[in-house]
Amino acid sequence: MAAIQRDGYRIGVAGTGHLGSLHAKMLRETGSAELVGVFDTDPEKCRAAARAGDTKAFESLSGLLAEVDALCIATPTSTHAGIAMEALRAGKHVFIEKPVTRTVPEAEALVALAKEKGLKVQVGHIERFNPAILALGDQRLDPMFVESHRLAGFNPRSTDVDVVLDLMIHDIDIIVSLVGSAVETVDASGVAVVSENLDIANARIQFRNGCVANVTASRISQKKMRKMRLFQRDAYISIDFLKGVSEIFRLTDGEEGAGRGTRKLGQIDTGTKKRTIVYRKPKVRKLNPLKYELETFIECIIHDRTPPVTGEDGLVALGVAGRIIGAIHNRTITL
């Protein structure tokens, strides 16, 4: 079952909390799929979500799976593996909110089963679909130093996992995908402040190719921030995920001008040659990242394409997150 072979595409949502309700809303607005219904272990919440979304409330996960081609999973992280495995065994493609699962062995089993069944798995690392990242599609990215800050106010809804799995994993996924090299060493620190899990964390990730990433995440901040800075040979790229914009500062040789869409900021004279500093603010697409990633998932199934964020990608990000948590606790943690 590698692709949908008939007209019409049917999808369901497991989980009717805040995020699940957003999934249902976005799926109703897509033109390439029919939202068949929703399921939640809380019957009242499920029925309320179904009424709000003008769709059907299913009393069981198996009942929903029998009526769909694919399932979106927006339930607590601890339940991801069980629900996804049931869906895959039923021959359904799955979209799973990040993190892919709570533990690495769970993610490995999920990836293996999807491969065995020939089914698609896409992980909801939504920042891959942020306009600020999409705008850099034509830019050569080869970072050798990365700095990121992801700060948010306290929200009790997400305290079932550490801030590393809740927030930092977004940046881990982006950085790993951009660097394209294996992680060599991890140093990290963090502390639980208002919950039973880590609420603030910082990690220094050293990659095999020499790149270093300094990553900070907090869910106890007074102001929101989601920024990343990339430093590479002859260029500095600033990414603001919250505003959905990127900026590029680049050095060019000699008297080369800024070029179309850029402006010249000045020159550097090293004594042997002059270099021009140019600035460009890439044009961004106006889109809803959640809707776009769900549409991409659907299109990948219909046309039998590899999802942009595969189960393997989710597994890699989870593995790095596990090493960070292990370093914070100064002991080996099996995720």
Protein backbone atom coordinates (compact mmCIF):
# COMPACT_ATOMS: atom_id res chain seq x y z
CA MET A 1 0.00 0.00 0.00
CA ALA A 2 2.56 2.57 -1.12
CA ALA A 3 0.08 5.06 -2.56
CA ILE A 4 -3.62 5.75 -2.80
CA GLN A 5 -4.89 4.17 -5.99
CA ARG A 6 -8.50 5.43 -5.99
CA ASP A 7 -10.21 8.77 -6.18
CA GLY A 8 -10.69 10.45 -2.84
CA TYR A 9 -8.48 10.37 0.20
CA ARG A 10 -9.75 9.70 3.70
CA ILE A 11 -7.99 10.73 6.87
CA GLY A 12 -8.72 10.73 10.59
CA VAL A 13 -7.29 12.40 13.70
CA ALA A 14 -6.42 10.68 16.96
CA GLY A 15 -6.43 13.15 19.83
CA THR A 16 -8.84 16.05 20.22
CA GLY A 17 -6.87 18.33 22.51
CA HIS A 18 -5.59 21.74 21.41
CA LEU A 19 -3.24 20.39 18.74
CA GLY A 20 -5.57 17.65 17.54
CA SER A 21 -8.34 20.19 17.06
CA LEU A 22 -5.97 22.31 14.96
CA HIS A 23 -5.13 19.27 12.85
CA ALA A 24 -8.80 18.60 12.25
CA LYS A 25 -9.42 22.25 11.32
CA MET A 26 -6.52 22.31 8.82
CA LEU A 27 -7.55 18.98 7.29
CA ARG A 28 -11.08 20.27 6.71
CA GLU A 29 -9.57 23.14 4.74
CA THR A 30 -7.43 20.97 2.47
CA GLY A 31 -8.81 20.14 -0.93
CA SER A 32 -7.01 16.82 -1.26
CA ALA A 33 -8.44 14.91 1.69
CA GLU A 34 -11.70 14.16 3.45
CA LEU A 35 -11.71 14.36 7.23
CA VAL A 36 -13.62 11.21 8.15
CA GLY A 37 -13.65 11.70 11.91
CA VAL A 38 -11.81 11.98 15.20
CA PHE A 39 -11.10 9.72 18.15
CA ASP A 40 -10.15 10.45 21.73
CA THR A 41 -10.09 8.32 24.88
CA ASP A 42 -12.23 11.04 26.49
CA PRO A 43 -15.70 10.48 24.89
CA GLU A 44 -17.06 13.89 25.89
CA LYS A 45 -14.06 15.73 24.51
CA CYS A 46 -14.24 13.64 21.34
CA ARG A 47 -17.92 14.40 20.76
CA ALA A 48 -17.39 18.11 21.41
CA ALA A 49 -14.52 18.23 18.92
CA ALA A 50 -16.57 16.35 16.35
CA ARG A 51 -19.46 18.80 16.72
CA ALA A 52 -17.13 21.76 16.42
CA GLY A 53 -15.51 20.26 13.34
CA ASP A 54 -18.69 19.00 11.71
CA THR A 55 -17.29 15.49 11.57
CA LYS A 56 -17.88 12.10 13.18
CA ALA A 57 -16.79 11.08 16.70
CA PHE A 58 -15.53 7.49 16.75
CA GLU A 59 -15.88 5.40 19.89
CA SER A 60 -12.73 3.39 19.20
CA LEU A 61 -9.43 3.78 17.40
CA SER A 62 -10.05 0.57 15.48
CA GLY A 63 -13.38 1.95 14.29
CA LEU A 64 -11.70 5.07 12.92
CA LEU A 65 -8.87 3.09 11.32
CA ALA A 66 -11.39 0.93 9.45
CA GLU A 67 -12.69 4.04 7.66
CA VAL A 68 -9.48 5.88 6.69
CA ASP A 69 -6.41 5.69 4.49
CA ALA A 70 -4.20 7.52 6.99
CA LEU A 71 -4.15 8.77 10.56
CA CYS A 72 -2.85 11.96 12.16
CA ILE A 73 -1.66 11.36 15.72
CA ALA A 74 -1.85 14.37 18.04
CA THR A 75 -2.01 12.60 21.40
CA PRO A 76 0.37 12.74 24.40
CA THR A 77 3.89 11.60 23.47
CA SER A 78 3.69 8.53 25.67
CA THR A 79 0.86 7.16 23.48
CA HIS A 80 2.42 7.84 20.07
CA ALA A 81 4.08 4.44 19.66
CA GLY A 82 1.04 2.34 20.57
CA ILE A 83 -1.34 4.27 18.32
CA ALA A 84 1.09 4.46 15.40
CA MET A 85 1.88 0.74 15.55
CA GLU A 86 -1.83 -0.12 15.55
CA ALA A 87 -2.38 2.14 12.54
CA LEU A 88 0.57 0.67 10.63
CA ARG A 89 -0.56 -2.89 11.35
CA ALA A 90 -3.94 -1.89 9.91
CA GLY A 91 -2.20 -0.74 6.73
CA LYS A 92 -2.58 3.00 7.32
CA HIS A 93 -0.08 5.78 6.65
CA VAL A 94 0.66 7.91 9.71
CA PHE A 95 1.46 11.51 10.51
CA ILE A 96 2.85 11.77 14.06
CA GLU A 97 3.35 14.96 15.99
CA LYS A 98 6.85 15.48 17.36
CA PRO A 99 8.59 13.89 19.12
CA VAL A 100 7.97 10.78 17.03
CA THR A 101 7.81 8.58 20.17
CA ARG A 102 8.96 8.81 23.75
CA THR A 103 11.81 6.30 23.39
CA VAL A 104 14.35 5.40 20.72
CA PRO A 105 13.45 1.66 20.73
CA GLU A 106 9.81 2.61 20.11
CA ALA A 107 10.83 4.80 17.18
CA GLU A 108 13.07 2.08 15.77
CA ALA A 109 10.22 -0.44 15.89
CA LEU A 110 7.85 2.03 14.25
CA VAL A 111 10.29 2.80 11.41
CA ALA A 112 10.95 -0.89 10.85
CA LEU A 113 7.23 -1.75 10.68
CA ALA A 114 6.49 1.11 8.27
CA LYS A 115 9.29 -0.10 5.99
CA GLU A 116 8.02 -3.68 6.16
CA LYS A 117 4.48 -2.55 5.29
CA GLY A 118 5.53 -0.05 2.62
CA LEU A 119 3.74 2.79 4.43
CA LYS A 120 4.56 6.47 4.84
CA VAL A 121 5.47 8.02 8.17
CA GLN A 122 5.82 11.78 8.49
CA VAL A 123 6.84 13.43 11.75
CA GLY A 124 5.39 16.82 12.67
CA HIS A 125 8.57 18.87 12.90
CA ILE A 126 6.62 21.92 11.81
CA GLU A 127 9.57 24.33 11.68
CA ARG A 128 10.72 22.60 8.48
CA PHE A 129 7.65 24.27 6.95
CA ASN A 130 8.21 27.69 8.49
CA PRO A 131 8.33 30.43 5.81
CA ALA A 132 11.68 31.56 7.22
CA ILE A 133 13.24 28.16 6.45
CA LEU A 134 11.46 27.71 3.11
CA ALA A 135 12.81 31.11 2.02
CA LEU A 136 16.36 29.76 2.26
CA GLY A 137 15.74 27.04 -0.32
CA ASP A 138 18.04 28.65 -2.90
CA GLN A 139 20.78 29.51 -0.40
CA ARG A 140 23.87 27.32 0.01
CA LEU A 141 23.85 26.36 3.69
CA ASP A 142 27.00 24.89 5.17
CA PRO A 143 27.01 26.09 8.80
CA MET A 144 30.07 25.64 10.98
CA PHE A 145 28.61 27.32 14.05
CA VAL A 146 24.93 27.49 15.01
CA GLU A 147 23.26 29.32 17.86
CA SER A 148 19.57 28.94 18.65
CA HIS A 149 17.19 30.17 21.33
CA ARG A 150 13.65 28.85 21.73
CA LEU A 151 11.91 30.49 24.68
CA ALA A 152 8.26 30.20 25.68
CA GLY A 153 6.02 30.97 28.62
CA PHE A 154 4.89 28.19 30.93
CA ASN A 155 2.12 25.97 29.59
CA PRO A 156 1.05 23.04 31.80
CA ARG A 157 -0.26 21.21 28.71
CA SER A 158 3.25 20.13 27.65
CA THR A 159 4.87 19.21 30.96
CA ASP A 160 4.55 15.44 30.41
CA VAL A 161 7.98 15.58 28.71
CA ASP A 162 11.23 17.49 29.25
CA VAL A 163 11.70 20.85 27.53
CA VAL A 164 14.26 19.05 25.36
CA LEU A 165 11.51 16.89 23.83
CA ASP A 166 8.90 19.62 24.03
CA LEU A 167 10.73 22.60 22.48
CA MET A 168 14.42 22.00 21.83
CA ILE A 169 13.73 19.07 19.52
CA HIS A 170 12.43 21.54 16.91
CA ASP A 171 15.89 23.12 16.68
CA ILE A 172 17.67 19.78 16.95
CA ASP A 173 15.81 18.57 13.87
CA ILE A 174 16.53 21.73 11.87
CA ILE A 175 20.21 21.81 12.84
CA VAL A 176 20.83 18.11 12.15
CA SER A 177 19.15 18.40 8.74
CA LEU A 178 21.21 21.48 7.81
CA VAL A 179 24.59 20.22 9.06
CA GLY A 180 24.27 16.78 7.46
CA SER A 181 26.93 15.20 9.68
CA ALA A 182 26.88 12.74 12.57
CA VAL A 183 26.84 14.04 16.14
CA GLU A 184 30.16 13.37 17.86
CA THR A 185 29.85 14.82 21.36
CA VAL A 186 27.16 16.44 23.51
CA ASP A 187 27.57 18.60 26.62
CA ALA A 188 24.44 19.89 28.32
CA SER A 189 22.90 21.33 31.46
CA GLY A 190 19.34 21.98 32.57
CA VAL A 191 16.98 22.23 35.50
CA ALA A 192 13.38 21.54 36.50
CA VAL A 193 11.83 24.71 37.90
CA VAL A 194 8.04 24.56 37.89
CA SER A 195 7.36 21.00 36.74
CA GLU A 196 8.68 17.53 37.48
CA ASN A 197 10.65 17.55 34.20
CA LEU A 198 13.38 19.80 32.79
CA ASP A 199 12.00 23.28 32.10
CA ILE A 200 15.15 24.96 30.80
CA ALA A 201 18.13 23.39 29.04
CA ASN A 202 21.25 24.28 27.10
CA ALA A 203 23.31 21.95 24.93
CA ARG A 204 26.57 22.18 23.02
CA ILE A 205 26.53 19.73 20.12
CA GLN A 206 29.76 18.91 18.27
CA PHE A 207 29.40 17.35 14.83
CA ARG A 208 31.90 15.09 13.08
CA ASN A 209 32.52 17.68 10.35
CA GLY A 210 33.60 20.25 12.97
CA CYS A 211 30.35 22.21 13.21
CA VAL A 212 29.29 23.25 16.71
CA ALA A 213 25.73 24.11 17.76
CA ASN A 214 24.83 25.94 20.97
CA VAL A 215 21.13 25.31 21.64
CA THR A 216 18.97 26.80 24.40
CA ALA A 217 15.33 26.06 25.19
CA SER A 218 13.11 27.33 28.00
CA ARG A 219 9.40 27.09 28.78
CA ILE A 220 9.53 29.46 31.75
CA SER A 221 10.39 32.71 29.97
CA GLN A 222 8.50 35.98 30.13
CA LYS A 223 8.81 36.62 26.41
CA LYS A 224 8.70 34.35 23.40
CA MET A 225 11.71 33.86 21.17
CA ARG A 226 12.42 31.38 18.36
CA LYS A 227 15.64 32.45 16.68
CA MET A 228 18.56 30.69 15.04
CA ARG A 229 21.81 32.08 13.69
CA LEU A 230 24.02 30.23 11.21
CA PHE A 231 27.66 31.11 10.68
CA GLN A 232 29.51 29.71 7.69
CA ARG A 233 32.39 30.65 5.42
CA ASP A 234 31.65 34.13 4.01
CA ALA A 235 28.07 34.27 5.28
CA TYR A 236 25.86 34.85 8.32
CA ILE A 237 22.19 33.84 8.23
CA SER A 238 19.64 34.96 10.80
CA ILE A 239 16.35 33.05 11.10
CA ASP A 240 13.37 34.28 13.10
CA PHE A 241 10.84 31.43 13.28
CA LEU A 242 8.37 33.53 15.25
CA LYS A 243 8.22 36.29 12.62
CA GLY A 244 8.74 33.88 9.73
CA VAL A 245 11.61 35.84 8.18
CA SER A 246 15.30 35.29 7.39
CA GLU A 247 18.20 37.65 6.69
CA ILE A 248 21.44 36.89 4.86
CA PHE A 249 24.70 38.79 5.22
CA ARG A 250 27.35 37.66 2.75
CA LEU A 251 30.88 38.56 1.66
CA THR A 252 31.60 38.71 -2.06
CA ASP A 253 34.96 39.09 -3.81
CA GLY A 254 36.34 42.29 -5.22
CA GLU A 255 34.03 45.04 -6.41
CA GLU A 256 31.09 42.69 -6.97
CA GLY A 257 27.84 44.53 -6.33
CA ALA A 258 24.90 43.46 -4.28
CA GLY A 259 22.93 42.05 -7.19
CA ARG A 260 19.20 41.91 -7.67
CA GLY A 261 17.18 41.74 -4.47
CA THR A 262 20.16 42.61 -2.28
CA ARG A 263 21.92 45.76 -1.20
CA LYS A 264 25.54 46.67 -0.61
CA LEU A 265 26.39 47.49 3.00
CA GLY A 266 30.08 48.28 2.65
CA GLN A 267 33.52 46.86 1.95
CA ILE A 268 36.31 45.16 3.85
CA ASP A 269 39.89 45.83 2.73
CA THR A 270 42.26 43.18 4.06
CA GLY A 271 45.25 44.71 2.31
CA THR A 272 45.44 42.00 -0.33
CA LYS A 273 41.90 42.25 -1.68
CA LYS A 274 38.64 44.06 -1.17
CA ARG A 275 35.48 42.22 -0.24
CA THR A 276 31.93 43.53 -0.43
CA ILE A 277 29.35 43.02 2.33
CA VAL A 278 25.90 42.42 0.85
CA TYR A 279 22.53 41.98 2.53
CA ARG A 280 19.48 40.08 1.33
CA LYS A 281 16.12 39.44 2.93
CA PRO A 282 14.62 36.48 1.03
CA LYS A 283 11.01 36.76 -0.02
CA VAL A 284 8.78 34.54 2.14
CA ARG A 285 5.71 32.58 1.17
CA LYS A 286 2.43 33.37 2.91
CA LEU A 287 1.21 30.06 4.27
CA ASN A 288 0.04 28.22 7.37
CA PRO A 289 2.90 25.83 8.29
CA LEU A 290 0.60 23.23 9.88
CA LYS A 291 -1.76 23.19 6.92
CA TYR A 292 1.17 23.05 4.49
CA GLU A 293 2.86 20.12 6.23
CA LEU A 294 -0.43 18.17 6.31
CA GLU A 295 -1.02 18.90 2.63
CA THR A 296 2.53 17.74 1.90
CA PHE A 297 1.91 14.51 3.81
CA ILE A 298 -1.22 13.83 1.78
CA GLU A 299 0.54 14.61 -1.51
CA CYS A 300 3.42 12.28 -0.62
CA ILE A 301 0.98 9.40 -0.15
CA ILE A 302 -1.09 10.11 -3.24
CA HIS A 303 1.97 10.44 -5.47
CA ASP A 304 4.15 7.88 -3.64
CA ARG A 305 6.87 10.34 -2.60
CA THR A 306 9.18 10.31 0.39
CA PRO A 307 7.89 12.67 3.11
CA PRO A 308 10.12 15.68 3.80
CA VAL A 309 10.39 14.66 7.48
CA THR A 310 10.51 10.87 7.61
CA GLY A 311 10.23 8.52 10.53
CA GLU A 312 14.00 8.09 10.27
CA ASP A 313 14.43 11.87 10.63
CA GLY A 314 12.25 11.79 13.73
CA LEU A 315 14.33 8.92 15.10
CA VAL A 316 17.60 10.82 14.58
CA ALA A 317 16.25 13.95 16.30
CA LEU A 318 14.96 11.85 19.18
CA GLY A 319 18.33 10.13 19.54
CA VAL A 320 20.16 13.46 19.81
CA ALA A 321 17.56 14.71 22.31
CA GLY A 322 18.16 11.56 24.36
CA ARG A 323 21.91 12.21 24.44
CA ILE A 324 21.23 15.76 25.65
CA ILE A 325 18.91 14.55 28.42
CA GLY A 326 21.47 11.92 29.37
CA ALA A 327 24.23 14.53 29.55
CA ILE A 328 22.07 16.74 31.74
CA HIS A 329 21.43 13.94 34.19
CA ASN A 330 25.08 12.91 33.93
CA ARG A 331 24.18 9.30 33.34
CA THR A 332 23.15 7.03 30.49
CA ILE A 333 19.44 7.22 29.80
CA THR A 334 17.84 4.65 27.53
CA LEU A 335 15.16 6.46 25.57
